[in-house]
Amino acid sequence: MKPKKPIELDGRTGEGGGQLVRISVALAAVTSQPIRITHVRGNRSGGRGGGLKSQHVAGIKWLAEATGAEVEGLSVGSHTLEFRPSLTPAVSSAGLQQTGKPIIVAADSPAASIMLIFQAVLPYLLFAADSDGTPIELEFQGGTNVSFSLSYEYLDQVLLPTLEAQFVGVRVERRLLQRSWSTGSSRMGSVWFRVHPLPLGQPLKLKESNPEDGTAAKEKGFTIKHIDASILTPTALHAPLQDALARDLDTLFPDTELNFKVVEESGHDARMYVLLVAHNTDDASSPSSRRWGRDYMYASKRKNKSPAFLSSEISRHVSKQLYREVALRRGAVDEYLQDQLIIFQALAAGRTSFPRGDEDPDVDGEPTGNAVDLDGVDAALRDLDLAAEKRLKRDKKTAEPFGDGSMHTKTARWVTSEILPEVKWFNKGSFCEGSGISFH
């Protein structure tokens, strides 16, 4: 059989960073489609540097081993990458089954984000089932709280719970073993995962929602039930930051319950991180459940700022960002979650929708109170009636990122369209008709 010709991707397209690399290699591994990326991370040639980083090399190296891929350019700093997999997830699954010890996936630096490495390999793991449905255990080593990447807290509280609530059969157990920051003295962090692959022959697909849930949403809109806060800072900031968040969030979301989910000593004066997650229901497993996250890793100078002043500054920033997402933009997902869900929409069977507007609302607008009516959220596909379906307009495939949302979201759609031509996007990317891939 004649080898497939690699799909050529320009790494400068759209956001032009690591996301393009992660999605394209993940899809190539799942579909056994060879790819060639030139100008890797070509839009990161400034202070953050272009070419592959340690986290990309770690993820691609593991996928190459799992898929029996031939790889060229797999080194830190490489600006061209060619990845030619030969084994499908179902064929390679036998080699992934457990021998009593987790598979180790290690970066060579604590500045390399574990969560970004995990994002690159998760789609492949979801389809790597054996006939017994054996889960796959892995330990990832690198950084857990790294600049310009999602934190362990965001992965644990937003991304993975959303996948588990929205898609049939997705189940990922996880545990933080050792935290590691990209600031302060460096040490390697680690996270344990147990991924339960989809049963053989089962594609990724949305759960069916309870009709009563949909009716209630249409009549009342969504109201924020509670907000979870995670605080990772020096101990001196714990009390004043909790007070500041309670005050600011009560102003923006009156009478909404605030839970402090994590309050932890960060171990260094330069390590200050806060995550806020808003929930529309107390039933996290329901397909109608939604969560919106906004976080803030403080990067400004702390010198001569009191704990009270710092706490007020951090709280105002992250609280307003959450308010912008939930009460003003009124999307089905937050900005970061939307682009992270694109690859799963493209792989899934049927139509999926996680819409979010394109315009940036005025964050300084007056708070509207607890009646956060998210009617726009209810445009999700499961509530789409026949009349609305007739109005779906297919988006044309273009040579550039497309649709609504952030540039990361637009770029993610473009990558999926390049590697999975059968995927169809509608209404500026608001709806996706996925590929429905499955393996026997």
Protein backbone atom coordinates (compact mmCIF):
# COMPACT_ATOMS: atom_id res chain seq x y z
CA MET A 1 0.00 0.00 0.00
CA LYS A 2 1.30 3.40 -0.95
CA PRO A 3 2.12 5.52 2.13
CA LYS A 4 -0.25 8.39 2.82
CA LYS A 5 1.01 11.82 1.90
CA PRO A 6 1.53 14.01 4.97
CA ILE A 7 -0.87 16.89 5.47
CA GLU A 8 1.13 20.11 5.47
CA LEU A 9 0.38 22.67 8.19
CA ASP A 10 1.96 26.08 8.60
CA GLY A 11 2.70 26.59 12.29
CA ARG A 12 2.28 30.35 11.92
CA THR A 13 -1.43 30.02 11.14
CA GLY A 14 -3.84 31.76 13.51
CA GLU A 15 -2.58 31.81 17.09
CA GLY A 16 0.58 30.18 15.74
CA GLY A 17 1.63 28.55 19.01
CA GLY A 18 1.70 25.22 20.76
CA GLN A 19 -2.04 24.61 20.51
CA LEU A 20 -1.76 24.02 16.76
CA VAL A 21 0.99 21.46 17.39
CA ARG A 22 -0.91 19.61 20.13
CA ILE A 23 -4.19 19.32 18.22
CA SER A 24 -2.63 18.33 14.92
CA VAL A 25 -0.41 15.62 16.44
CA ALA A 26 -3.29 14.33 18.59
CA LEU A 27 -5.56 14.01 15.55
CA ALA A 28 -2.79 12.46 13.49
CA ALA A 29 -2.25 9.83 16.21
CA VAL A 30 -5.96 8.97 16.44
CA THR A 31 -6.48 8.78 12.66
CA SER A 32 -3.05 7.38 11.62
CA GLN A 33 -2.72 10.37 9.30
CA PRO A 34 0.85 11.61 8.71
CA ILE A 35 1.41 15.34 9.12
CA ARG A 36 4.20 17.82 8.56
CA ILE A 37 4.31 21.12 10.44
CA THR A 38 6.61 23.88 9.28
CA HIS A 39 7.43 27.09 11.16
CA VAL A 40 6.51 25.39 14.46
CA ARG A 41 5.20 27.98 16.92
CA GLY A 42 6.12 30.58 14.35
CA ASN A 43 4.18 33.33 16.13
CA ARG A 44 6.15 32.82 19.32
CA SER A 45 9.46 34.16 18.08
CA GLY A 46 9.55 36.96 20.68
CA GLY A 47 10.57 36.53 24.29
CA ARG A 48 8.82 33.16 24.51
CA GLY A 49 10.76 31.74 21.54
CA GLY A 50 9.67 29.65 18.57
CA GLY A 51 10.09 25.94 17.83
CA LEU A 52 9.11 22.92 19.93
CA LYS A 53 9.26 23.21 23.71
CA SER A 54 9.95 20.49 26.24
CA GLN A 55 6.24 19.87 26.85
CA HIS A 56 5.61 19.32 23.12
CA VAL A 57 8.53 16.93 22.81
CA ALA A 58 7.34 14.88 25.81
CA GLY A 59 3.81 14.45 24.48
CA ILE A 60 4.82 13.75 20.90
CA LYS A 61 7.51 11.29 21.98
CA TRP A 62 4.95 9.25 23.93
CA LEU A 63 2.45 9.33 21.06
CA ALA A 64 5.19 8.27 18.66
CA GLU A 65 6.00 5.25 20.82
CA ALA A 66 2.32 4.34 21.21
CA THR A 67 1.58 4.60 17.49
CA GLY A 68 4.86 3.23 16.15
CA ALA A 69 5.38 6.55 14.40
CA GLU A 70 8.36 7.68 12.40
CA VAL A 71 9.23 11.18 13.53
CA GLU A 72 11.58 13.83 12.22
CA GLY A 73 12.43 17.05 14.03
CA LEU A 74 11.50 15.83 17.52
CA SER A 75 13.79 18.00 19.60
CA VAL A 76 13.47 21.15 21.67
CA GLY A 77 13.75 24.19 19.41
CA SER A 78 12.91 22.31 16.20
CA HIS A 79 10.95 24.43 13.70
CA THR A 80 9.83 21.54 11.48
CA LEU A 81 8.08 18.38 12.64
CA GLU A 82 7.04 15.34 10.63
CA PHE A 83 4.92 12.71 12.38
CA ARG A 84 3.95 9.48 10.57
CA PRO A 85 1.98 7.10 12.84
CA SER A 86 1.37 3.47 11.85
CA LEU A 87 -0.73 1.95 14.67
CA THR A 88 -4.32 2.88 15.49
CA PRO A 89 -5.36 3.27 19.14
CA ALA A 90 -7.16 -0.09 19.07
CA VAL A 91 -4.08 -1.91 17.71
CA SER A 92 -1.67 -0.30 20.16
CA SER A 93 -3.97 -0.68 23.18
CA ALA A 94 -2.43 -4.04 24.10
CA GLY A 95 0.88 -2.34 24.69
CA LEU A 96 -0.71 0.25 26.99
CA GLN A 97 -2.31 -2.15 29.45
CA GLN A 98 -1.03 -2.17 32.95
CA THR A 99 1.74 -4.19 34.55
CA GLY A 100 1.08 -2.81 38.01
CA LYS A 101 2.90 0.46 37.43
CA PRO A 102 1.73 3.65 35.71
CA ILE A 103 3.16 4.66 32.36
CA ILE A 104 5.61 7.52 32.97
CA VAL A 105 5.37 10.52 30.64
CA ALA A 106 8.09 12.93 31.71
CA ALA A 107 9.20 16.32 30.48
CA ASP A 108 12.78 17.37 31.11
CA SER A 109 11.83 20.57 32.93
CA PRO A 110 9.38 21.65 35.67
CA ALA A 111 8.59 24.63 33.44
CA ALA A 112 6.94 22.21 30.98
CA SER A 113 3.21 22.03 31.64
CA ILE A 114 1.88 18.59 32.59
CA MET A 115 -1.61 19.69 31.62
CA LEU A 116 -0.58 20.61 28.06
CA ILE A 117 1.20 17.27 27.66
CA PHE A 118 -1.92 15.49 28.91
CA GLN A 119 -4.12 17.44 26.50
CA ALA A 120 -2.01 16.19 23.61
CA VAL A 121 -2.40 12.51 24.51
CA LEU A 122 -5.94 12.37 25.99
CA PRO A 123 -7.80 12.03 22.64
CA TYR A 124 -5.64 9.02 21.76
CA LEU A 125 -6.13 7.44 25.19
CA LEU A 126 -9.91 7.74 24.92
CA PHE A 127 -9.88 5.41 21.91
CA ALA A 128 -7.15 3.02 23.10
CA ALA A 129 -9.52 0.33 24.45
CA ASP A 130 -8.91 -3.36 24.69
CA SER A 131 -11.66 -5.98 24.69
CA ASP A 132 -11.84 -5.95 28.50
CA GLY A 133 -12.11 -2.18 28.86
CA THR A 134 -8.91 -2.03 30.92
CA PRO A 135 -8.15 1.48 32.20
CA ILE A 136 -4.80 3.07 31.43
CA GLU A 137 -2.75 4.51 34.29
CA LEU A 138 -0.18 7.21 33.69
CA GLU A 139 2.01 9.51 35.73
CA PHE A 140 2.95 12.80 34.11
CA GLN A 141 6.00 14.69 35.34
CA GLY A 142 6.63 18.38 34.78
CA GLY A 143 4.95 21.57 35.99
CA THR A 144 1.44 21.85 37.46
CA ASN A 145 1.15 25.67 37.66
CA VAL A 146 2.94 27.12 34.67
CA SER A 147 2.54 30.49 32.95
CA PHE A 148 0.60 30.52 29.64
CA SER A 149 -1.05 27.13 30.29
CA LEU A 150 -3.98 25.70 32.19
CA SER A 151 -3.35 24.75 35.80
CA TYR A 152 -4.05 21.42 37.46
CA GLU A 153 -6.98 23.13 39.21
CA TYR A 154 -8.54 24.24 35.91
CA LEU A 155 -8.11 20.78 34.39
CA ASP A 156 -9.54 19.14 37.50
CA GLN A 157 -12.44 21.54 38.11
CA VAL A 158 -13.43 22.71 34.62
CA LEU A 159 -12.15 20.76 31.60
CA LEU A 160 -12.40 17.15 32.76
CA PRO A 161 -15.73 17.56 34.64
CA THR A 162 -17.21 19.16 31.51
CA LEU A 163 -16.06 16.27 29.31
CA GLU A 164 -17.42 13.76 31.81
CA ALA A 165 -20.78 15.55 32.13
CA GLN A 166 -21.29 16.22 28.43
CA PHE A 167 -19.95 13.08 26.68
CA VAL A 168 -20.96 9.44 27.12
CA GLY A 169 -18.33 7.19 28.63
CA VAL A 170 -15.64 9.77 29.36
CA ARG A 171 -14.09 9.03 32.73
CA VAL A 172 -10.70 10.27 33.89
CA GLU A 173 -9.57 9.76 37.46
CA ARG A 174 -6.80 12.09 38.57
CA ARG A 175 -4.72 12.98 41.59
CA LEU A 176 -2.15 15.68 42.20
CA LEU A 177 0.98 13.98 43.55
CA GLN A 178 3.43 16.88 43.65
CA ARG A 179 2.84 20.53 42.79
CA SER A 180 5.44 22.39 40.72
CA TRP A 181 5.57 26.04 39.68
CA SER A 182 7.36 27.87 36.89
CA THR A 183 8.32 30.59 39.41
CA GLY A 184 10.60 30.27 42.41
CA SER A 185 12.88 27.33 43.10
CA SER A 186 12.14 24.55 40.62
CA ARG A 187 11.31 20.92 41.31
CA MET A 188 9.51 18.37 39.21
CA GLY A 189 5.78 18.02 39.79
CA SER A 190 3.66 14.98 39.04
CA VAL A 191 0.01 14.08 38.40
CA TRP A 192 -1.53 10.61 38.30
CA PHE A 193 -4.30 9.76 35.83
CA ARG A 194 -6.40 6.69 35.21
CA VAL A 195 -8.12 7.03 31.83
CA HIS A 196 -11.05 4.74 31.03
CA PRO A 197 -11.13 4.37 27.21
CA LEU A 198 -14.41 4.29 25.35
CA PRO A 199 -15.67 0.74 24.72
CA LEU A 200 -14.56 -0.76 21.40
CA GLY A 201 -16.88 0.32 18.61
CA GLN A 202 -18.32 3.25 20.58
CA PRO A 203 -17.72 6.73 19.21
CA LEU A 204 -17.48 9.80 21.37
CA LYS A 205 -20.97 11.32 21.61
CA LEU A 206 -23.03 13.73 23.66
CA LYS A 207 -25.17 12.51 26.53
CA GLU A 208 -28.91 12.88 26.13
CA SER A 209 -30.27 15.52 28.46
CA ASN A 210 -33.37 15.22 30.59
CA PRO A 211 -36.21 16.97 28.68
CA GLU A 212 -37.29 18.61 31.93
CA ASP A 213 -33.85 20.16 32.27
CA GLY A 214 -34.15 21.69 28.82
CA THR A 215 -37.63 23.05 29.50
CA ALA A 216 -36.56 24.62 32.76
CA ALA A 217 -33.58 26.21 31.11
CA LYS A 218 -35.68 27.73 28.35
CA GLU A 219 -38.24 29.12 30.74
CA LYS A 220 -35.96 30.45 33.45
CA GLY A 221 -32.50 30.73 31.98
CA PHE A 222 -29.51 29.62 34.01
CA THR A 223 -28.80 31.03 37.46
CA ILE A 224 -25.44 30.68 39.14
CA LYS A 225 -25.92 28.29 42.06
CA HIS A 226 -22.48 28.58 43.59
CA ILE A 227 -18.90 29.66 42.95
CA ASP A 228 -15.83 27.63 43.93
CA ALA A 229 -12.60 29.45 44.70
CA SER A 230 -9.10 27.99 44.79
CA ILE A 231 -6.34 30.05 46.40
CA LEU A 232 -2.65 29.15 46.07
CA THR A 233 -0.65 31.96 47.67
CA PRO A 234 1.66 32.69 50.60
CA THR A 235 -0.20 32.11 53.87
CA ALA A 236 -0.23 35.84 54.69
CA LEU A 237 -2.64 36.39 51.79
CA HIS A 238 -5.10 33.62 52.64
CA ALA A 239 -7.38 35.50 55.03
CA PRO A 240 -7.37 38.92 53.29
CA LEU A 241 -7.86 37.29 49.86
CA GLN A 242 -10.80 35.24 51.10
CA ASP A 243 -12.34 38.42 52.51
CA ALA A 244 -11.73 40.33 49.27
CA LEU A 245 -13.22 37.58 47.10
CA ALA A 246 -16.25 37.26 49.36
CA ARG A 247 -16.83 41.03 49.14
CA ASP A 248 -16.28 41.37 45.37
CA LEU A 249 -18.25 38.29 44.38
CA ASP A 250 -21.16 39.28 46.63
CA THR A 251 -21.29 42.61 44.78
CA LEU A 252 -21.23 40.98 41.34
CA PHE A 253 -23.24 37.85 42.18
CA PRO A 254 -25.45 38.75 45.18
CA ASP A 255 -26.61 35.89 47.41
CA THR A 256 -24.55 33.31 45.51
CA GLU A 257 -22.85 30.72 47.72
CA LEU A 258 -19.06 30.93 47.73
CA ASN A 259 -17.03 27.80 48.54
CA PHE A 260 -13.30 27.86 49.15
CA LYS A 261 -12.36 24.58 47.52
CA VAL A 262 -8.58 24.88 47.84
CA VAL A 263 -6.60 27.17 50.16
CA GLU A 264 -2.93 26.24 50.01
CA GLU A 265 0.45 27.70 50.88
CA SER A 266 2.32 28.28 47.61
CA GLY A 267 5.80 28.18 49.14
CA HIS A 268 7.14 31.37 47.54
CA ASP A 269 6.27 35.08 47.59
CA ALA A 270 6.12 35.16 43.77
CA ARG A 271 3.58 32.33 43.56
CA MET A 272 0.05 33.73 43.65
CA TYR A 273 -2.75 31.96 41.81
CA VAL A 274 -6.55 32.11 42.08
CA LEU A 275 -9.20 30.13 40.17
CA LEU A 276 -12.92 30.91 40.29
CA VAL A 277 -15.45 28.43 38.91
CA ALA A 278 -19.13 29.36 38.58
CA HIS A 279 -21.71 26.53 38.52
CA ASN A 280 -25.29 26.65 37.26
CA THR A 281 -26.31 23.50 39.15
CA ASP A 282 -25.30 21.46 42.16
CA ASP A 283 -25.53 18.25 40.08
CA ALA A 284 -22.13 18.19 38.38
CA SER A 285 -22.90 14.96 36.49
CA SER A 286 -26.00 16.30 34.71
CA PRO A 287 -25.64 17.03 30.95
CA SER A 288 -27.34 20.37 31.63
CA SER A 289 -24.65 21.35 34.13
CA ARG A 290 -22.31 24.15 33.10
CA ARG A 291 -19.23 25.64 34.67
CA TRP A 292 -17.27 28.73 33.77
CA GLY A 293 -13.72 29.26 35.01
CA ARG A 294 -11.49 32.31 35.22
CA ASP A 295 -8.08 32.28 36.83
CA TYR A 296 -5.25 34.65 37.51
CA MET A 297 -1.56 33.94 38.06
CA TYR A 298 -0.27 37.20 39.49
CA ALA A 299 2.77 38.35 37.54
CA SER A 300 3.13 42.00 38.65
CA LYS A 301 5.74 43.19 41.13
CA ARG A 302 4.81 42.62 44.75
CA LYS A 303 7.38 44.97 46.30
CA ASN A 304 5.95 47.41 48.87
CA LYS A 305 2.41 46.04 48.48
CA SER A 306 0.67 44.95 51.66
CA PRO A 307 -1.27 41.66 51.83
CA ALA A 308 -4.51 43.63 51.95
CA PHE A 309 -3.60 45.67 48.86
CA LEU A 310 -2.43 42.61 46.93
CA SER A 311 -5.54 40.66 47.87
CA SER A 312 -7.79 43.48 46.73
CA GLU A 313 -5.91 43.79 43.44
CA ILE A 314 -6.04 40.06 42.69
CA SER A 315 -9.66 39.69 43.73
CA ARG A 316 -10.90 42.63 41.64
CA HIS A 317 -9.16 41.29 38.56
CA VAL A 318 -10.34 37.67 38.67
CA SER A 319 -13.86 38.52 39.94
CA LYS A 320 -14.47 40.96 37.10
CA GLN A 321 -13.16 38.45 34.59
CA LEU A 322 -15.63 35.85 35.85
CA TYR A 323 -18.45 38.40 35.76
CA ARG A 324 -17.55 39.23 32.17
CA GLU A 325 -17.75 35.57 31.19
CA VAL A 326 -20.93 34.67 33.00
CA ALA A 327 -23.16 37.69 33.33
CA LEU A 328 -22.16 39.80 30.33
CA ARG A 329 -20.98 37.47 27.57
CA ARG A 330 -23.50 34.73 28.40
CA GLY A 331 -21.77 31.92 26.52
CA ALA A 332 -22.19 28.19 27.05
CA VAL A 333 -18.54 27.89 28.08
CA ASP A 334 -15.70 30.18 29.07
CA GLU A 335 -13.07 31.46 26.66
CA TYR A 336 -10.46 28.82 27.47
CA LEU A 337 -12.82 25.87 27.69
CA GLN A 338 -14.29 26.59 24.27
CA ASP A 339 -11.02 26.11 22.39
CA GLN A 340 -10.14 23.03 24.47
CA LEU A 341 -13.41 21.34 23.50
CA ILE A 342 -12.96 21.80 19.73
CA ILE A 343 -10.96 18.60 19.18
CA PHE A 344 -13.55 16.53 21.05
CA GLN A 345 -16.37 18.06 18.98
CA ALA A 346 -14.49 17.14 15.80
CA LEU A 347 -13.99 13.54 16.93
CA ALA A 348 -17.53 13.05 18.23
CA ALA A 349 -20.49 11.53 16.41
CA GLY A 350 -23.43 13.79 15.61
CA ARG A 351 -23.73 17.49 16.26
CA THR A 352 -22.36 19.34 19.23
CA SER A 353 -22.51 22.98 20.26
CA PHE A 354 -20.63 25.02 22.85
CA PRO A 355 -21.28 28.57 21.59
CA ARG A 356 -19.68 31.72 22.84
CA GLY A 357 -19.97 35.23 21.42
CA ASP A 358 -17.26 37.08 19.55
CA GLU A 359 -17.56 40.49 21.11
CA ASP A 360 -15.81 41.47 24.34
CA PRO A 361 -18.37 42.98 26.73
CA ASP A 362 -17.69 45.96 28.96
CA VAL A 363 -16.46 44.42 32.19
CA ASP A 364 -17.06 47.65 34.08
CA GLY A 365 -20.79 47.55 33.50
CA GLU A 366 -23.06 47.59 36.53
CA PRO A 367 -23.72 44.19 38.15
CA THR A 368 -27.10 42.73 37.31
CA GLY A 369 -27.57 40.72 40.51
CA ASN A 370 -28.00 37.01 40.98
CA ALA A 371 -30.56 36.66 38.19
CA VAL A 372 -27.82 35.79 35.70
CA ASP A 373 -30.14 34.86 32.86
CA LEU A 374 -28.03 32.91 30.39
CA ASP A 375 -30.60 32.41 27.65
CA GLY A 376 -27.82 32.36 25.07
CA VAL A 377 -26.37 29.28 26.72
CA ASP A 378 -29.50 27.35 25.84
CA ALA A 379 -28.54 27.42 22.16
CA ALA A 380 -26.65 24.17 22.77
CA LEU A 381 -27.45 21.52 20.24
CA ARG A 382 -29.49 19.23 22.48
CA ASP A 383 -32.16 21.97 22.74
CA LEU A 384 -32.16 22.71 19.03
CA ASP A 385 -35.61 22.29 17.48
CA LEU A 386 -36.33 21.40 13.86
CA ALA A 387 -36.91 25.01 12.85
CA ALA A 388 -33.52 26.02 14.19
CA GLU A 389 -31.86 23.08 12.44
CA LYS A 390 -33.19 24.32 9.11
CA ARG A 391 -31.42 27.61 9.71
CA LEU A 392 -28.01 25.99 10.09
CA LYS A 393 -25.63 27.40 7.52
CA ARG A 394 -22.49 25.42 6.79
CA ASP A 395 -19.24 27.31 7.15
CA LYS A 396 -16.97 27.23 4.13
CA LYS A 397 -13.59 25.60 4.53
CA THR A 398 -10.94 28.31 4.36
CA ALA A 399 -7.18 28.53 4.41
CA GLU A 400 -7.40 30.60 7.58
CA PRO A 401 -8.91 30.15 11.05
CA PHE A 402 -12.65 30.81 11.07
CA GLY A 403 -15.80 31.26 13.12
CA ASP A 404 -16.64 33.08 16.34
CA GLY A 405 -14.62 33.05 19.52
CA SER A 406 -10.98 33.63 20.40
CA MET A 407 -8.13 33.18 17.94
CA HIS A 408 -7.26 29.94 19.77
CA THR A 409 -10.78 28.66 19.10
CA LYS A 410 -10.71 29.71 15.46
CA THR A 411 -7.31 28.08 14.97
CA ALA A 412 -8.47 24.84 16.61
CA ARG A 413 -11.41 24.65 14.18
CA TRP A 414 -9.07 25.22 11.25
CA VAL A 415 -6.74 22.40 12.35
CA THR A 416 -9.61 19.93 12.70
CA SER A 417 -10.89 20.87 9.24
CA GLU A 418 -7.47 20.31 7.71
CA ILE A 419 -6.95 16.85 9.21
CA LEU A 420 -10.59 15.67 9.34
CA PRO A 421 -12.17 16.95 6.10
CA GLU A 422 -15.41 15.11 6.92
CA VAL A 423 -16.02 17.41 9.90
CA LYS A 424 -18.58 20.13 9.20
CA TRP A 425 -18.91 23.45 11.03
CA PHE A 426 -22.08 25.57 10.96
CA ASN A 427 -23.12 29.10 11.91
CA LYS A 428 -19.63 30.56 12.39
CA GLY A 429 -18.45 27.50 14.26
CA SER A 430 -21.35 27.42 16.73
CA PHE A 431 -22.26 23.87 15.70
CA CYS A 432 -20.07 20.95 14.72
CA GLU A 433 -20.99 17.77 12.90
CA GLY A 434 -18.14 15.54 13.95
CA SER A 435 -16.37 12.61 12.35
CA GLY A 436 -17.78 9.93 14.68
CA ILE A 437 -14.54 7.96 14.75
CA SER A 438 -14.61 4.57 16.47
CA PHE A 439 -12.41 1.47 16.50
CA HIS A 440 -13.22 -2.25 16.63
